[in-house]
């Protein structure tokens, strides 16, 4: 589908270049015409950025459930990127293993869907070691847990570690859709060298050509919105399943720490709010009654605002959280060398 769309865009651009050469001969040389009828750079950036989190989720879920990851399941999707650090087979009960296998394979599909739409980038270096998750939990509690938290030790620990990840991704998808360019209201520009042909000039010279370019642009936008919506739906489902499994055990003590599952989720959510530096966008499984749905319940199986709508996060906020540094310019945490893609690397360059 994506390949067909790219071919269609290329065909329209070719027709446009030929037609515009006839209508505006003084403006065009033999240089190649570049058209903004396809995805704009910022749209591509927004669609590529989530690959960072999809790689993280895929490797964590696959290794936890199967003991191996993308390099065995779908090596081409890894793109030759560095293998993850410290990921390993987890001691899971049958139900949790079954769920996590499904999640891992779903992430493979997500990676394929994104990289079939935009070029993407190789897997970044990921730190999925027990110590990386232990640092997250220590930061959440404001003290060093003893023994260090091990996500691979049992089902409860793995579910708590899983609680750390998908929700960050889904809030990112919620924030992405409004940022995708509304091509129907933006100016269509065709460039050759430094020459710019505006929408109005094109309308006067060739209404039918403008219509072709406009429709193709809108078609591409719809494909991108559909992709993000599809990714968001499944990521939300994964987060809901994780929260439901933990909610059932919210009063259970996490051994040997003597702290309930509910308090663990609350601590993790508070840490993400702190690192994100954008106010309340995260909630644990139990909240004060006034903050529950319609102010009527303290149970919080799904996180949402006062109208029970999902929170959104920007790429900048997401990087602050997954780096564990509270600073999008300073890598660390699950991404020791930083995330990839133009958005993430632009912040890293600013820190140099």
Protein backbone atom coordinates (compact mmCIF):
# COMPACT_ATOMS: atom_id res chain seq x y z
CA UNK A 1 0.00 0.00 0.00
CA UNK A 2 2.78 2.43 1.00
CA UNK A 3 4.83 1.50 -2.07
CA UNK A 4 1.83 2.17 -4.31
CA UNK A 5 1.32 5.56 -2.70
CA UNK A 6 4.95 6.54 -3.23
CA UNK A 7 4.74 5.51 -6.88
CA UNK A 8 1.55 7.53 -7.26
CA UNK A 9 3.19 10.60 -5.73
CA UNK A 10 6.21 10.24 -8.02
CA UNK A 11 3.96 10.03 -11.07
CA UNK A 12 2.12 13.18 -10.09
CA UNK A 13 5.40 14.99 -9.47
CA UNK A 14 6.66 13.97 -12.92
CA UNK A 15 3.50 15.26 -14.59
CA UNK A 16 3.78 18.44 -12.53
CA UNK A 17 7.35 19.05 -13.59
CA UNK A 18 6.50 18.66 -17.26
CA UNK A 19 3.40 20.85 -17.07
CA UNK A 20 5.04 23.59 -15.02
CA UNK A 21 7.95 23.72 -17.42
CA UNK A 22 5.39 24.60 -20.12
CA UNK A 23 3.48 27.14 -18.01
CA UNK A 24 6.54 28.78 -16.44
CA UNK A 25 9.50 28.23 -18.85
CA UNK A 26 11.38 31.23 -17.51
CA UNK A 27 11.42 29.75 -14.01
CA UNK A 28 12.69 26.27 -14.77
CA UNK A 29 16.06 24.96 -15.87
CA UNK A 30 16.94 21.35 -16.63
CA UNK A 31 17.48 20.75 -12.92
CA UNK A 32 15.34 18.17 -11.16
CA UNK A 33 12.05 19.50 -9.83
CA UNK A 34 11.41 18.89 -6.19
CA UNK A 35 7.80 18.73 -5.04
CA UNK A 36 6.30 19.06 -1.62
CA UNK A 37 3.33 16.99 -2.66
CA UNK A 38 4.63 14.04 -0.68
CA UNK A 39 5.17 13.90 3.07
CA UNK A 40 6.87 16.97 4.45
CA UNK A 41 10.11 16.53 6.38
CA UNK A 42 8.41 17.15 9.70
CA UNK A 43 5.78 14.49 9.01
CA UNK A 44 8.50 11.98 8.24
CA UNK A 45 10.34 12.97 11.43
CA UNK A 46 7.20 12.51 13.51
CA UNK A 47 6.54 9.08 12.00
CA UNK A 48 10.15 7.94 12.44
CA UNK A 49 10.56 9.08 16.04
CA UNK A 50 8.31 6.32 17.53
CA UNK A 51 10.64 3.68 16.07
CA UNK A 52 12.86 4.34 19.09
CA UNK A 53 10.15 3.13 21.46
CA UNK A 54 8.94 0.35 19.17
CA UNK A 55 12.47 -1.10 19.07
CA UNK A 56 12.63 -0.90 22.86
CA UNK A 57 9.30 -2.64 23.36
CA UNK A 58 9.96 -5.29 20.72
CA UNK A 59 13.30 -6.32 22.21
CA UNK A 60 12.12 -6.26 25.83
CA UNK A 61 8.99 -8.30 25.14
CA UNK A 62 10.64 -10.78 22.76
CA UNK A 63 13.65 -11.44 24.98
CA UNK A 64 11.50 -11.65 28.10
CA UNK A 65 9.13 -14.20 26.57
CA UNK A 66 11.40 -16.09 24.17
CA UNK A 67 14.99 -15.39 25.17
CA UNK A 68 15.87 -13.83 21.81
CA UNK A 69 14.87 -10.76 19.85
CA UNK A 70 14.72 -9.07 16.48
CA UNK A 71 18.02 -10.45 15.25
CA UNK A 72 16.38 -13.87 15.13
CA UNK A 73 12.73 -12.92 14.54
CA UNK A 74 13.14 -10.17 11.91
CA UNK A 75 16.80 -9.22 11.40
CA UNK A 76 16.10 -6.91 8.46
CA UNK A 77 13.96 -4.69 10.69
CA UNK A 78 16.87 -4.23 13.10
CA UNK A 79 18.76 -2.62 10.21
CA UNK A 80 22.15 -3.74 11.49
CA UNK A 81 21.79 -1.76 14.71
CA UNK A 82 23.69 -2.69 17.87
CA UNK A 83 22.21 -5.66 19.77
CA UNK A 84 20.51 -4.71 23.05
CA UNK A 85 22.48 -4.81 26.28
CA UNK A 86 21.40 -7.18 29.05
CA UNK A 87 18.06 -8.37 27.64
CA UNK A 88 17.27 -11.94 28.69
CA UNK A 89 14.67 -14.65 29.18
CA UNK A 90 12.34 -13.93 32.10
CA UNK A 91 10.81 -16.32 34.63
CA UNK A 92 7.16 -15.84 33.67
CA UNK A 93 4.03 -17.86 34.42
CA UNK A 94 2.16 -19.32 31.47
CA UNK A 95 -0.46 -16.55 31.20
CA UNK A 96 2.00 -13.67 31.34
CA UNK A 97 4.37 -15.39 28.90
CA UNK A 98 1.50 -15.94 26.47
CA UNK A 99 0.54 -12.25 26.67
CA UNK A 100 4.11 -10.99 26.33
CA UNK A 101 4.83 -13.19 23.30
CA UNK A 102 1.83 -11.62 21.59
CA UNK A 103 3.01 -8.13 22.54
CA UNK A 104 6.49 -8.82 21.18
CA UNK A 105 5.21 -10.06 17.84
CA UNK A 106 2.82 -7.11 17.61
CA UNK A 107 5.81 -4.78 17.98
CA UNK A 108 7.48 -6.54 15.04
CA UNK A 109 4.42 -5.62 12.98
CA UNK A 110 4.60 -2.02 14.19
CA UNK A 111 8.21 -1.71 13.13
CA UNK A 112 7.41 -3.14 9.72
CA UNK A 113 4.42 -0.82 9.26
CA UNK A 114 6.41 2.31 10.12
CA UNK A 115 9.44 1.34 8.02
CA UNK A 116 7.17 0.53 5.09
CA UNK A 117 5.85 4.10 5.23
CA UNK A 118 9.04 6.06 5.96
CA UNK A 119 12.70 5.10 5.61
CA UNK A 120 13.35 4.86 9.32
CA UNK A 121 16.70 4.07 10.91
CA UNK A 122 18.58 1.10 12.40
CA UNK A 123 17.87 -0.04 15.94
CA UNK A 124 19.54 2.27 18.47
CA UNK A 125 21.69 0.86 21.23
CA UNK A 126 19.29 -0.22 24.00
CA UNK A 127 20.14 -0.94 27.62
CA UNK A 128 17.62 -3.54 28.79
CA UNK A 129 19.77 -4.87 31.59
CA UNK A 130 18.43 -5.55 35.06
CA UNK A 131 20.56 -2.66 36.33
CA UNK A 132 18.88 -0.21 33.92
CA UNK A 133 15.46 -1.08 35.33
CA UNK A 134 16.84 -1.10 38.87
CA UNK A 135 17.95 2.51 38.36
CA UNK A 136 14.42 3.45 37.26
CA UNK A 137 12.88 1.88 40.35
CA UNK A 138 15.49 3.42 42.66
CA UNK A 139 14.71 6.83 41.17
CA UNK A 140 10.98 6.19 41.57
CA UNK A 141 11.37 5.41 45.29
CA UNK A 142 14.08 7.97 45.96
CA UNK A 143 16.27 5.29 47.54
CA UNK A 144 18.27 2.21 46.60
CA UNK A 145 16.11 -0.90 46.69
CA UNK A 146 17.76 -3.91 48.26
CA UNK A 147 18.15 -6.27 46.53
CA UNK A 148 18.23 -4.36 43.23
CA UNK A 149 14.99 -4.66 41.28
CA UNK A 150 15.21 -7.40 38.64
CA UNK A 151 12.57 -7.26 35.88
CA UNK A 152 13.38 -10.79 34.73
CA UNK A 153 13.00 -12.46 38.15
CA UNK A 154 9.24 -13.20 38.03
CA UNK A 155 5.93 -12.26 36.43
CA UNK A 156 5.09 -9.40 38.80
CA UNK A 157 8.46 -7.75 38.31
CA UNK A 158 8.24 -8.13 34.54
CA UNK A 159 4.75 -6.61 34.46
CA UNK A 160 5.94 -3.68 36.59
CA UNK A 161 8.87 -3.18 34.21
CA UNK A 162 6.43 -3.39 31.29
CA UNK A 163 4.33 -0.71 32.98
CA UNK A 164 7.30 1.61 32.51
CA UNK A 165 7.32 1.40 28.70
CA UNK A 166 4.15 1.18 26.49
CA UNK A 167 2.29 4.03 28.19
CA UNK A 168 5.06 6.47 27.27
CA UNK A 169 4.71 5.40 23.64
CA UNK A 170 0.94 5.70 23.52
CA UNK A 171 0.99 9.24 24.94
CA UNK A 172 3.46 10.04 22.18
CA UNK A 173 1.06 8.76 19.52
CA UNK A 174 -1.76 10.81 21.06
CA UNK A 175 0.45 13.86 20.66
CA UNK A 176 1.56 13.03 17.12
CA UNK A 177 -1.68 13.07 15.14
CA UNK A 178 -2.48 16.79 15.68
CA UNK A 179 1.07 17.65 14.57
CA UNK A 180 0.80 15.95 11.19
CA UNK A 181 0.48 18.65 8.57
CA UNK A 182 -2.98 19.46 7.33
CA UNK A 183 -2.05 19.50 3.67
CA UNK A 184 -5.41 20.80 2.54
CA UNK A 185 -4.80 24.10 4.30
CA UNK A 186 -1.05 24.46 3.73
CA UNK A 187 0.51 26.13 0.70
CA UNK A 188 1.56 23.73 -2.03
CA UNK A 189 4.97 24.71 -3.28
CA UNK A 190 7.01 23.42 -6.19
CA UNK A 191 10.65 24.26 -6.11
CA UNK A 192 13.32 24.42 -8.78
CA UNK A 193 16.52 25.94 -7.54
CA UNK A 194 15.30 28.99 -5.62
CA UNK A 195 12.10 29.44 -7.59
CA UNK A 196 8.85 29.04 -5.70
CA UNK A 197 5.54 28.56 -7.50
CA UNK A 198 2.74 29.41 -5.13
CA UNK A 199 -0.62 27.74 -4.88
CA UNK A 200 -2.35 30.77 -6.42
CA UNK A 201 0.02 30.88 -9.41
CA UNK A 202 -0.54 27.20 -9.98
CA UNK A 203 -4.30 27.65 -9.69
CA UNK A 204 -4.28 30.36 -12.37
CA UNK A 205 -2.15 28.35 -14.76
CA UNK A 206 -3.45 24.83 -14.22
CA UNK A 207 -6.36 24.18 -11.85
CA UNK A 208 -6.42 20.49 -12.77
CA UNK A 209 -2.75 20.04 -11.89
CA UNK A 210 -3.24 21.78 -8.55
CA UNK A 211 -6.18 19.47 -7.90
CA UNK A 212 -4.00 16.42 -8.63
CA UNK A 213 -1.24 17.56 -6.28
CA UNK A 214 -3.68 18.58 -3.56
CA UNK A 215 -5.51 15.25 -3.67
CA UNK A 216 -2.28 13.29 -3.55
CA UNK A 217 -1.07 15.33 -0.61
CA UNK A 218 -4.33 14.73 1.26
CA UNK A 219 -4.16 11.03 0.41
CA UNK A 220 -0.67 10.81 1.91
CA UNK A 221 -1.80 12.67 5.03
CA UNK A 222 -4.69 10.24 5.50
CA UNK A 223 -2.29 7.29 5.22
CA UNK A 224 -0.10 8.78 7.93
CA UNK A 225 -3.03 9.53 10.21
CA UNK A 226 -4.35 6.01 9.69
CA UNK A 227 -0.95 4.55 10.58
CA UNK A 228 -0.68 6.58 13.79
CA UNK A 229 -4.26 5.72 14.76
CA UNK A 230 -3.61 2.02 14.20
CA UNK A 231 -0.42 2.10 16.26
CA UNK A 232 -2.12 4.06 19.03
CA UNK A 233 -5.00 1.58 19.22
CA UNK A 234 -2.76 -1.44 19.78
CA UNK A 235 -0.34 0.38 22.11
CA UNK A 236 -3.33 1.49 24.18
CA UNK A 237 -4.56 -2.07 24.26
CA UNK A 238 -1.20 -3.34 25.47
CA UNK A 239 -1.09 -0.72 28.20
CA UNK A 240 -4.66 -1.60 29.23
CA UNK A 241 -3.82 -5.31 29.50
CA UNK A 242 -0.72 -4.58 31.59
CA UNK A 243 -2.68 -2.27 33.87
CA UNK A 244 -5.51 -4.80 34.21
CA UNK A 245 -3.13 -7.62 35.16
CA UNK A 246 -1.48 -5.37 37.73
CA UNK A 247 -4.79 -3.93 38.96
CA UNK A 248 -5.95 -7.42 39.88
CA UNK A 249 -2.86 -7.63 42.08
CA UNK A 250 -2.77 -4.00 43.26
CA UNK A 251 -2.83 -4.97 46.97
CA UNK A 252 -0.23 -7.72 46.57
CA UNK A 253 3.14 -7.07 48.14
CA UNK A 254 6.13 -7.04 45.81
CA UNK A 255 8.75 -9.19 47.49
CA UNK A 256 11.10 -8.67 49.15
CA UNK A 257 10.34 -4.94 49.31
CA UNK A 258 7.07 -5.11 51.25
CA UNK A 259 5.52 -2.50 48.91
CA UNK A 260 2.24 -3.07 47.10
CA UNK A 261 1.90 -3.32 43.34
CA UNK A 262 -0.36 -0.26 43.48
CA UNK A 263 2.31 1.83 45.19
CA UNK A 264 4.93 0.69 42.67
CA UNK A 265 2.77 1.97 39.79
CA UNK A 266 2.12 5.23 41.61
CA UNK A 267 5.83 5.77 42.16
CA UNK A 268 6.65 5.01 38.52
CA UNK A 269 3.94 7.37 37.26
CA UNK A 270 5.11 10.16 39.58
CA UNK A 271 8.67 9.69 38.32
CA UNK A 272 7.54 10.00 34.69
CA UNK A 273 5.64 13.17 35.54
CA UNK A 274 8.73 14.57 37.23
CA UNK A 275 11.07 13.68 34.38
CA UNK A 276 8.65 14.86 31.67
CA UNK A 277 8.44 18.33 33.27
CA UNK A 278 5.02 18.99 31.74
CA UNK A 279 2.64 18.58 34.65
CA UNK A 280 0.31 15.67 35.35
CA UNK A 281 0.22 13.25 32.43
CA UNK A 282 0.56 9.98 34.26
CA UNK A 283 -1.35 8.19 37.02
CA UNK A 284 -0.96 4.95 38.95
CA UNK A 285 -3.58 2.27 39.50
CA UNK A 286 -5.08 3.93 42.57
CA UNK A 287 -5.70 7.68 42.89
CA UNK A 288 -7.48 9.95 45.38
CA UNK A 289 -11.24 9.65 44.82
CA UNK A 290 -11.46 13.25 43.59
CA UNK A 291 -9.03 12.39 40.77
CA UNK A 292 -10.84 9.21 39.70
CA UNK A 293 -13.38 9.02 36.89
CA UNK A 294 -16.01 11.71 37.50
CA UNK A 295 -14.67 12.07 41.04
CA UNK A 296 -16.54 8.91 42.03
CA UNK A 297 -13.88 6.18 42.28
CA UNK A 298 -10.32 5.71 43.44
CA UNK A 299 -9.67 2.77 41.13
CA UNK A 300 -7.76 3.92 38.06
CA UNK A 301 -7.45 0.97 35.71
CA UNK A 302 -6.99 3.39 32.78
CA UNK A 303 -5.19 6.72 33.08
CA UNK A 304 -7.00 9.79 31.77
CA UNK A 305 -7.63 13.49 32.37
CA UNK A 306 -10.70 15.01 34.04
CA UNK A 307 -12.78 13.96 31.03
CA UNK A 308 -11.17 10.50 30.91
CA UNK A 309 -9.28 11.40 27.72
CA UNK A 310 -5.76 10.12 27.14
CA UNK A 311 -2.86 12.41 27.94
CA UNK A 312 -0.42 13.42 25.21
CA UNK A 313 3.32 13.92 25.25
CA UNK A 314 5.77 15.62 22.90
CA UNK A 315 8.97 13.94 21.65
CA UNK A 316 10.92 16.24 23.97
CA UNK A 317 9.00 15.00 27.01
CA UNK A 318 9.38 11.37 25.94
CA UNK A 319 13.16 11.69 25.60
CA UNK A 320 13.41 13.23 29.07
CA UNK A 321 11.62 10.17 30.47
CA UNK A 322 13.28 7.32 28.56
CA UNK A 323 16.74 8.84 29.07
CA UNK A 324 15.99 9.00 32.77
CA UNK A 325 17.80 12.34 32.95
CA UNK A 326 14.90 14.78 32.68
CA UNK A 327 16.83 16.43 29.86
CA UNK A 328 16.29 15.68 26.17
CA UNK A 329 19.89 16.74 25.50
CA UNK A 330 21.44 14.19 27.88
CA UNK A 331 21.13 10.51 26.91
CA UNK A 332 21.11 7.68 29.40
CA UNK A 333 18.74 5.12 30.85
CA UNK A 334 17.48 2.79 28.14
CA UNK A 335 19.37 4.76 25.44
CA UNK A 336 23.02 5.08 26.50
CA UNK A 337 24.00 6.66 23.18
CA UNK A 338 20.73 8.49 22.67
CA UNK A 339 17.70 7.83 20.49
CA UNK A 340 17.81 8.03 16.68
CA UNK A 341 16.03 10.03 14.00
CA UNK A 342 16.26 13.74 13.20
CA UNK A 343 14.15 14.87 16.17
CA UNK A 344 16.20 13.02 18.78
CA UNK A 345 19.59 13.74 17.25
CA UNK A 346 18.79 17.45 16.90
CA UNK A 347 18.65 17.69 20.70
CA UNK A 348 21.89 15.74 21.08
CA UNK A 349 23.65 18.14 18.68
CA UNK A 350 22.46 21.10 20.74
CA UNK A 351 24.23 19.68 23.79
CA UNK A 352 27.62 19.55 22.07
